[in-house]
């Protein structure tokens, strides 16, 4: 985007969609299984912290590095994380 030019409708829509998705994740407090396999992710959104009932996360087929996965395992000791 060039400075001073308004955002296109598509980028505004995309940004609003991202905000909506992040807010929706916060509301999944009873979610027990999160399968985000094969999504080319490099991390999980921090809003996943609100999913207090998580028991299992499938991260296979993503680009999340081992250090981030280890931090997740240290943080969520009761959650089975498949990498």
Protein backbone atom coordinates (compact mmCIF):
# COMPACT_ATOMS: atom_id res chain seq x y z
CA UNK A 1 0.00 0.00 0.00
CA UNK A 2 1.32 3.43 -0.93
CA UNK A 3 1.32 5.96 1.86
CA UNK A 4 -1.57 8.39 1.65
CA UNK A 5 -3.75 6.16 -0.49
CA UNK A 6 -6.88 4.65 1.01
CA UNK A 7 -7.00 0.92 1.58
CA UNK A 8 -8.85 -1.11 -0.96
CA UNK A 9 -12.19 -2.63 0.00
CA UNK A 10 -10.57 -6.05 -0.11
CA UNK A 11 -7.85 -5.21 2.42
CA UNK A 12 -10.37 -3.58 4.78
CA UNK A 13 -12.63 -6.62 4.48
CA UNK A 14 -9.69 -8.93 5.07
CA UNK A 15 -8.58 -6.99 8.16
CA UNK A 16 -12.12 -7.01 9.56
CA UNK A 17 -12.37 -10.72 8.89
CA UNK A 18 -9.12 -11.33 10.77
CA UNK A 19 -10.39 -9.37 13.79
CA UNK A 20 -13.65 -11.33 13.70
CA UNK A 21 -11.80 -14.67 13.54
CA UNK A 22 -9.57 -13.74 16.47
CA UNK A 23 -12.59 -12.69 18.54
CA UNK A 24 -14.39 -15.92 17.61
CA UNK A 25 -11.42 -17.98 18.83
CA UNK A 26 -11.67 -16.30 22.25
CA UNK A 27 -15.23 -17.57 22.54
CA UNK A 28 -14.29 -21.24 22.08
CA UNK A 29 -13.77 -21.81 25.79
CA UNK A 30 -15.22 -25.35 25.64
CA UNK A 31 -13.15 -26.44 22.61
CA UNK A 32 -11.36 -29.72 23.38
CA UNK A 33 -9.78 -30.66 20.03
CA UNK A 34 -8.01 -28.22 17.72
CA UNK A 35 -6.90 -29.71 14.40
CA UNK A 36 -5.03 -27.14 12.35
CA UNK A 37 -2.95 -29.68 10.45
CA UNK A 38 -1.58 -28.80 7.00
CA UNK A 39 -2.41 -25.09 7.15
CA UNK A 40 1.07 -23.58 6.60
CA UNK A 41 0.93 -21.93 10.01
CA UNK A 42 4.07 -20.48 11.59
CA UNK A 43 2.36 -19.96 14.96
CA UNK A 44 -1.00 -20.13 16.69
CA UNK A 45 -2.86 -16.91 17.47
CA UNK A 46 -2.51 -15.87 21.09
CA UNK A 47 -6.30 -16.01 21.41
CA UNK A 48 -6.00 -19.81 21.64
CA UNK A 49 -5.05 -19.17 25.28
CA UNK A 50 -8.76 -18.59 25.93
CA UNK A 51 -9.57 -22.18 24.91
CA UNK A 52 -9.38 -23.43 28.49
CA UNK A 53 -10.78 -26.90 27.77
CA UNK A 54 -8.23 -27.92 25.12
CA UNK A 55 -7.02 -31.50 25.40
CA UNK A 56 -5.49 -32.07 21.96
CA UNK A 57 -3.85 -29.89 19.28
CA UNK A 58 -2.77 -31.30 15.91
CA UNK A 59 -0.05 -29.13 14.34
CA UNK A 60 1.23 -31.64 11.76
CA UNK A 61 2.11 -30.24 8.34
CA UNK A 62 2.71 -26.66 9.49
CA UNK A 63 5.83 -24.51 9.63
CA UNK A 64 5.89 -23.96 13.38
CA UNK A 65 9.44 -24.33 14.63
CA UNK A 66 10.36 -26.79 17.38
CA UNK A 67 11.11 -24.05 19.91
CA UNK A 68 7.60 -22.61 19.59
CA UNK A 69 6.10 -26.08 19.93
CA UNK A 70 8.18 -26.70 23.05
CA UNK A 71 6.97 -23.39 24.54
CA UNK A 72 3.40 -24.50 23.84
CA UNK A 73 4.04 -27.83 25.55
CA UNK A 74 5.56 -26.06 28.56
CA UNK A 75 2.61 -23.66 28.71
CA UNK A 76 -0.16 -26.24 28.21
CA UNK A 77 1.11 -29.21 30.20
CA UNK A 78 -2.23 -31.04 30.13
CA UNK A 79 -2.73 -30.65 26.36
CA UNK A 80 -1.50 -33.34 23.99
CA UNK A 81 0.29 -31.52 21.17
CA UNK A 82 1.05 -33.50 18.00
CA UNK A 83 3.75 -31.95 15.84
